[in-house]
Amino acid sequence: MIRFRKNMYTSYSLNKLAKIKWKIRTGAGMFDVYIIAYNHDSRQVEYFHNSLMKQKIFRKTDIDCIGLAKSEAECQEFIEQMLKDCHEKCGSYDLANIYDDSFNNS
C-alpha cells in the first residue's frame, strides 16, 4: 500500500494530484509520472515509473511516497533539493532524520 506524505515534492506541471494519487493506488497507467519513495529498510530515496504500481506485489508493499515528478531528470533535481533541505534543517545529509518519523506522525 502506498502512503503519500502531506507536504511532498511535486512537479508544477502535474495537475489534479488527487486523481493522480488515485490512479497510482489503483494501478492505472499514466505517462510521465514518476514516484519518489523513501525506503525505511535501506534508509535511501529511490524513484521509479508509476507503471510498476500495476503489479500486485508493488500495490501490496508498503511504499512511502515523498514526491511525484514528470521525468527522471526532475526526480534527480527533487532528490538533490531534498538533500539540500535536509542539510539546512539537520546539519547532515542523512534523510532518515526527516523521513523516518514523518510517516508515523502524519
N, C-alpha and C. Protein backbone atom coordinates (compact mmCIF):
# COMPACT_ATOMS: atom_id res chain seq x y z
N MET A 1 0.84 -1.18 0.00
CA MET A 1 0.00 0.00 0.00
C MET A 1 0.88 1.24 0.00
N ILE A 2 0.50 2.20 -0.78
CA ILE A 2 1.29 3.42 -0.88
C ILE A 2 0.71 4.49 0.04
N ARG A 3 1.62 5.19 0.72
CA ARG A 3 1.23 6.31 1.57
C ARG A 3 1.90 7.56 1.00
N PHE A 4 1.14 8.63 0.93
CA PHE A 4 1.65 9.89 0.40
C PHE A 4 1.93 10.84 1.56
N ARG A 5 3.09 11.45 1.55
CA ARG A 5 3.44 12.43 2.57
C ARG A 5 2.62 13.69 2.34
N LYS A 6 2.22 14.35 3.40
CA LYS A 6 1.35 15.52 3.28
C LYS A 6 2.00 16.63 2.47
N ASN A 7 3.21 16.99 2.79
CA ASN A 7 3.89 18.06 2.06
C ASN A 7 5.03 17.48 1.23
N MET A 8 4.65 16.76 0.19
CA MET A 8 5.64 16.10 -0.65
C MET A 8 6.07 17.02 -1.80
N TYR A 9 7.19 16.67 -2.39
CA TYR A 9 7.70 17.41 -3.54
C TYR A 9 6.90 16.99 -4.77
N THR A 10 6.33 17.96 -5.47
CA THR A 10 5.56 17.65 -6.68
C THR A 10 5.93 18.61 -7.80
N SER A 11 5.84 18.10 -8.99
CA SER A 11 6.12 18.89 -10.18
C SER A 11 4.98 19.87 -10.42
N TYR A 12 5.34 21.09 -10.81
CA TYR A 12 4.31 22.09 -11.10
C TYR A 12 3.46 21.69 -12.30
N SER A 13 4.00 20.90 -13.18
CA SER A 13 3.27 20.52 -14.39
C SER A 13 2.28 19.38 -14.16
N LEU A 14 2.30 18.79 -12.96
CA LEU A 14 1.32 17.74 -12.65
C LEU A 14 0.05 18.38 -12.12
N ASN A 15 -1.03 18.23 -12.84
CA ASN A 15 -2.32 18.78 -12.43
C ASN A 15 -3.18 17.68 -11.84
N LYS A 16 -4.14 18.06 -11.05
CA LYS A 16 -5.12 17.13 -10.45
C LYS A 16 -4.41 16.03 -9.65
N LEU A 17 -3.72 16.45 -8.60
CA LEU A 17 -2.96 15.50 -7.78
C LEU A 17 -3.83 14.41 -7.17
N ALA A 18 -5.05 14.75 -6.79
CA ALA A 18 -5.94 13.74 -6.20
C ALA A 18 -6.22 12.62 -7.20
N LYS A 19 -6.41 12.99 -8.45
CA LYS A 19 -6.67 11.99 -9.49
C LYS A 19 -5.42 11.14 -9.75
N ILE A 20 -4.26 11.78 -9.75
CA ILE A 20 -3.00 11.06 -9.97
C ILE A 20 -2.77 10.07 -8.83
N LYS A 21 -3.00 10.50 -7.59
CA LYS A 21 -2.83 9.60 -6.44
C LYS A 21 -3.79 8.41 -6.54
N TRP A 22 -5.02 8.67 -6.94
CA TRP A 22 -6.00 7.59 -7.09
C TRP A 22 -5.54 6.60 -8.14
N LYS A 23 -5.03 7.11 -9.28
CA LYS A 23 -4.57 6.23 -10.34
C LYS A 23 -3.37 5.40 -9.89
N ILE A 24 -2.49 5.99 -9.10
CA ILE A 24 -1.34 5.24 -8.59
C ILE A 24 -1.81 4.15 -7.64
N ARG A 25 -2.74 4.46 -6.77
CA ARG A 25 -3.25 3.47 -5.81
C ARG A 25 -3.95 2.30 -6.50
N THR A 26 -4.66 2.59 -7.58
CA THR A 26 -5.42 1.54 -8.26
C THR A 26 -4.63 0.84 -9.36
N GLY A 27 -3.44 1.35 -9.68
CA GLY A 27 -2.61 0.72 -10.69
C GLY A 27 -2.94 1.13 -12.11
N ALA A 28 -3.68 2.23 -12.27
CA ALA A 28 -3.98 2.74 -13.61
C ALA A 28 -2.72 3.37 -14.19
N GLY A 29 -2.45 3.12 -15.44
CA GLY A 29 -1.24 3.62 -16.07
C GLY A 29 -1.32 5.09 -16.46
N MET A 30 -0.21 5.77 -16.35
CA MET A 30 -0.09 7.17 -16.77
C MET A 30 1.28 7.34 -17.42
N PHE A 31 1.34 8.24 -18.36
CA PHE A 31 2.62 8.57 -18.96
C PHE A 31 3.31 9.62 -18.11
N ASP A 32 4.61 9.54 -18.04
CA ASP A 32 5.44 10.60 -17.45
C ASP A 32 5.08 10.97 -16.02
N VAL A 33 4.82 10.01 -15.18
CA VAL A 33 4.68 10.27 -13.74
C VAL A 33 5.60 9.31 -13.02
N TYR A 34 6.53 9.87 -12.26
CA TYR A 34 7.50 9.09 -11.51
C TYR A 34 7.24 9.27 -10.02
N ILE A 35 7.41 8.21 -9.26
CA ILE A 35 7.21 8.21 -7.82
C ILE A 35 8.58 8.27 -7.15
N ILE A 36 8.73 9.21 -6.23
CA ILE A 36 9.94 9.29 -5.42
C ILE A 36 9.56 8.73 -4.05
N ALA A 37 10.23 7.67 -3.63
CA ALA A 37 9.85 6.97 -2.40
C ALA A 37 11.03 6.88 -1.45
N TYR A 38 10.71 6.88 -0.17
CA TYR A 38 11.73 6.68 0.87
C TYR A 38 11.64 5.24 1.35
N ASN A 39 12.76 4.53 1.29
CA ASN A 39 12.83 3.15 1.74
C ASN A 39 13.36 3.12 3.16
N HIS A 40 12.52 2.74 4.12
CA HIS A 40 12.92 2.74 5.53
C HIS A 40 13.96 1.67 5.85
N ASP A 41 13.94 0.57 5.12
CA ASP A 41 14.89 -0.51 5.39
C ASP A 41 16.32 -0.10 5.02
N SER A 42 16.49 0.43 3.83
CA SER A 42 17.83 0.82 3.39
C SER A 42 18.15 2.28 3.72
N ARG A 43 17.14 3.02 4.20
CA ARG A 43 17.27 4.44 4.53
C ARG A 43 17.77 5.25 3.34
N GLN A 44 17.20 4.95 2.17
CA GLN A 44 17.57 5.64 0.94
C GLN A 44 16.33 6.09 0.20
N VAL A 45 16.54 7.05 -0.69
CA VAL A 45 15.47 7.54 -1.56
C VAL A 45 15.64 6.86 -2.91
N GLU A 46 14.53 6.42 -3.47
CA GLU A 46 14.56 5.80 -4.80
C GLU A 46 13.41 6.35 -5.62
N TYR A 47 13.53 6.25 -6.92
CA TYR A 47 12.43 6.69 -7.77
C TYR A 47 12.19 5.65 -8.85
N PHE A 48 10.92 5.58 -9.27
CA PHE A 48 10.54 4.61 -10.30
C PHE A 48 9.30 5.11 -11.02
N HIS A 49 9.07 4.57 -12.21
CA HIS A 49 7.91 4.94 -13.01
C HIS A 49 6.65 4.36 -12.38
N ASN A 50 5.56 5.09 -12.48
CA ASN A 50 4.32 4.65 -11.85
C ASN A 50 3.76 3.36 -12.43
N SER A 51 4.21 2.96 -13.60
CA SER A 51 3.69 1.73 -14.21
C SER A 51 4.02 0.49 -13.37
N LEU A 52 5.03 0.58 -12.51
CA LEU A 52 5.34 -0.55 -11.62
C LEU A 52 4.19 -0.81 -10.65
N MET A 53 3.38 0.20 -10.39
CA MET A 53 2.27 0.04 -9.47
C MET A 53 1.15 -0.82 -10.06
N LYS A 54 1.25 -1.15 -11.34
CA LYS A 54 0.29 -2.08 -11.96
C LYS A 54 0.48 -3.50 -11.43
N GLN A 55 1.67 -3.80 -10.97
CA GLN A 55 1.96 -5.13 -10.46
C GLN A 55 1.44 -5.25 -9.03
N LYS A 56 0.76 -6.34 -8.75
CA LYS A 56 0.15 -6.53 -7.44
C LYS A 56 1.16 -6.50 -6.31
N ILE A 57 2.34 -7.01 -6.55
CA ILE A 57 3.35 -7.05 -5.49
C ILE A 57 3.71 -5.64 -5.03
N PHE A 58 3.73 -4.68 -5.95
CA PHE A 58 4.04 -3.30 -5.57
C PHE A 58 2.86 -2.66 -4.85
N ARG A 59 1.64 -3.01 -5.25
CA ARG A 59 0.47 -2.43 -4.57
C ARG A 59 0.33 -2.98 -3.16
N LYS A 60 0.84 -4.18 -2.91
CA LYS A 60 0.75 -4.78 -1.58
C LYS A 60 1.90 -4.36 -0.67
N THR A 61 2.99 -3.90 -1.26
CA THR A 61 4.17 -3.49 -0.49
C THR A 61 3.95 -2.09 0.09
N ASP A 62 4.44 -1.86 1.30
CA ASP A 62 4.36 -0.53 1.89
C ASP A 62 5.36 0.39 1.21
N ILE A 63 4.85 1.44 0.58
CA ILE A 63 5.68 2.42 -0.10
C ILE A 63 5.33 3.79 0.45
N ASP A 64 6.35 4.54 0.87
CA ASP A 64 6.15 5.88 1.38
C ASP A 64 6.58 6.88 0.32
N CYS A 65 5.60 7.51 -0.31
CA CYS A 65 5.85 8.46 -1.39
C CYS A 65 6.18 9.83 -0.81
N ILE A 66 7.34 10.36 -1.18
CA ILE A 66 7.72 11.69 -0.72
C ILE A 66 7.75 12.69 -1.87
N GLY A 67 7.42 12.23 -3.09
CA GLY A 67 7.38 13.15 -4.22
C GLY A 67 6.85 12.51 -5.48
N LEU A 68 6.34 13.37 -6.36
CA LEU A 68 5.89 12.97 -7.69
C LEU A 68 6.53 13.90 -8.71
N ALA A 69 7.07 13.33 -9.76
CA ALA A 69 7.76 14.13 -10.76
C ALA A 69 7.32 13.72 -12.16
N LYS A 70 7.62 14.59 -13.12
CA LYS A 70 7.21 14.39 -14.50
C LYS A 70 8.26 13.65 -15.32
N SER A 71 9.52 13.65 -14.87
CA SER A 71 10.59 12.99 -15.62
C SER A 71 11.66 12.49 -14.67
N GLU A 72 12.56 11.66 -15.18
CA GLU A 72 13.67 11.16 -14.37
C GLU A 72 14.59 12.30 -13.96
N ALA A 73 14.82 13.24 -14.87
CA ALA A 73 15.68 14.38 -14.56
C ALA A 73 15.08 15.21 -13.42
N GLU A 74 13.78 15.38 -13.45
CA GLU A 74 13.11 16.11 -12.38
C GLU A 74 13.19 15.36 -11.05
N CYS A 75 13.13 14.03 -11.10
CA CYS A 75 13.31 13.23 -9.88
C CYS A 75 14.68 13.50 -9.27
N GLN A 76 15.70 13.51 -10.11
CA GLN A 76 17.05 13.75 -9.61
C GLN A 76 17.18 15.16 -9.04
N GLU A 77 16.53 16.14 -9.66
CA GLU A 77 16.54 17.51 -9.14
C GLU A 77 15.84 17.58 -7.78
N PHE A 78 14.71 16.88 -7.64
CA PHE A 78 14.00 16.86 -6.37
C PHE A 78 14.82 16.21 -5.27
N ILE A 79 15.49 15.11 -5.59
CA ILE A 79 16.32 14.43 -4.61
C ILE A 79 17.47 15.33 -4.18
N GLU A 80 18.05 16.04 -5.14
CA GLU A 80 19.11 16.99 -4.81
C GLU A 80 18.57 18.09 -3.87
N GLN A 81 17.36 18.58 -4.16
CA GLN A 81 16.75 19.61 -3.32
C GLN A 81 16.43 19.05 -1.93
N MET A 82 15.98 17.79 -1.86
CA MET A 82 15.71 17.16 -0.57
C MET A 82 16.97 17.10 0.29
N LEU A 83 18.09 16.74 -0.35
CA LEU A 83 19.35 16.67 0.38
C LEU A 83 19.78 18.05 0.88
N LYS A 84 19.60 19.07 0.06
CA LYS A 84 19.93 20.43 0.49
C LYS A 84 19.04 20.87 1.64
N ASP A 85 17.74 20.59 1.54
CA ASP A 85 16.80 20.95 2.62
C ASP A 85 17.14 20.22 3.91
N CYS A 86 17.51 18.96 3.79
CA CYS A 86 17.88 18.16 4.96
C CYS A 86 19.14 18.71 5.61
N HIS A 87 20.11 19.10 4.80
CA HIS A 87 21.35 19.64 5.34
C HIS A 87 21.09 20.96 6.07
N GLU A 88 20.22 21.80 5.51
CA GLU A 88 19.89 23.07 6.15
C GLU A 88 19.15 22.84 7.47
N LYS A 89 18.28 21.86 7.50
CA LYS A 89 17.45 21.61 8.68
C LYS A 89 18.19 20.85 9.77
N CYS A 90 18.95 19.82 9.38
CA CYS A 90 19.56 18.91 10.36
C CYS A 90 21.07 19.04 10.48
N GLY A 91 21.70 19.64 9.49
CA GLY A 91 23.16 19.74 9.52
C GLY A 91 23.86 18.52 8.95
N SER A 92 23.09 17.57 8.41
CA SER A 92 23.70 16.40 7.77
C SER A 92 22.86 16.02 6.56
N TYR A 93 23.39 15.13 5.77
CA TYR A 93 22.67 14.67 4.58
C TYR A 93 21.91 13.38 4.82
N ASP A 94 21.74 12.98 6.06
CA ASP A 94 21.03 11.76 6.39
C ASP A 94 19.52 12.01 6.35
N LEU A 95 18.86 11.56 5.29
CA LEU A 95 17.43 11.81 5.11
C LEU A 95 16.58 11.08 6.14
N ALA A 96 17.15 10.10 6.82
CA ALA A 96 16.41 9.39 7.85
C ALA A 96 16.01 10.32 8.99
N ASN A 97 16.78 11.38 9.21
CA ASN A 97 16.44 12.34 10.25
C ASN A 97 15.08 12.97 10.00
N ILE A 98 14.71 13.10 8.75
CA ILE A 98 13.43 13.72 8.40
C ILE A 98 12.36 12.69 8.13
N TYR A 99 12.67 11.67 7.31
CA TYR A 99 11.64 10.80 6.78
C TYR A 99 11.31 9.57 7.64
N ASP A 100 12.15 9.20 8.59
CA ASP A 100 11.81 8.04 9.41
C ASP A 100 10.60 8.31 10.29
N ASP A 101 10.45 9.52 10.79
CA ASP A 101 9.34 9.84 11.67
C ASP A 101 8.17 10.52 10.97
N SER A 102 8.38 11.03 9.77
CA SER A 102 7.34 11.84 9.14
C SER A 102 6.08 11.04 8.78
N PHE A 103 6.21 9.74 8.56
CA PHE A 103 5.03 8.95 8.21
C PHE A 103 4.32 8.43 9.44
N ASN A 104 5.03 8.32 10.54
CA ASN A 104 4.40 7.89 11.78
C ASN A 104 3.55 9.00 12.38
N ASN A 105 3.95 10.27 12.13
CA ASN A 105 3.25 11.40 12.71
C ASN A 105 2.17 11.97 11.80
N SER A 106 2.11 11.56 10.54
CA SER A 106 1.12 12.15 9.62
C SER A 106 -0.09 11.28 9.44
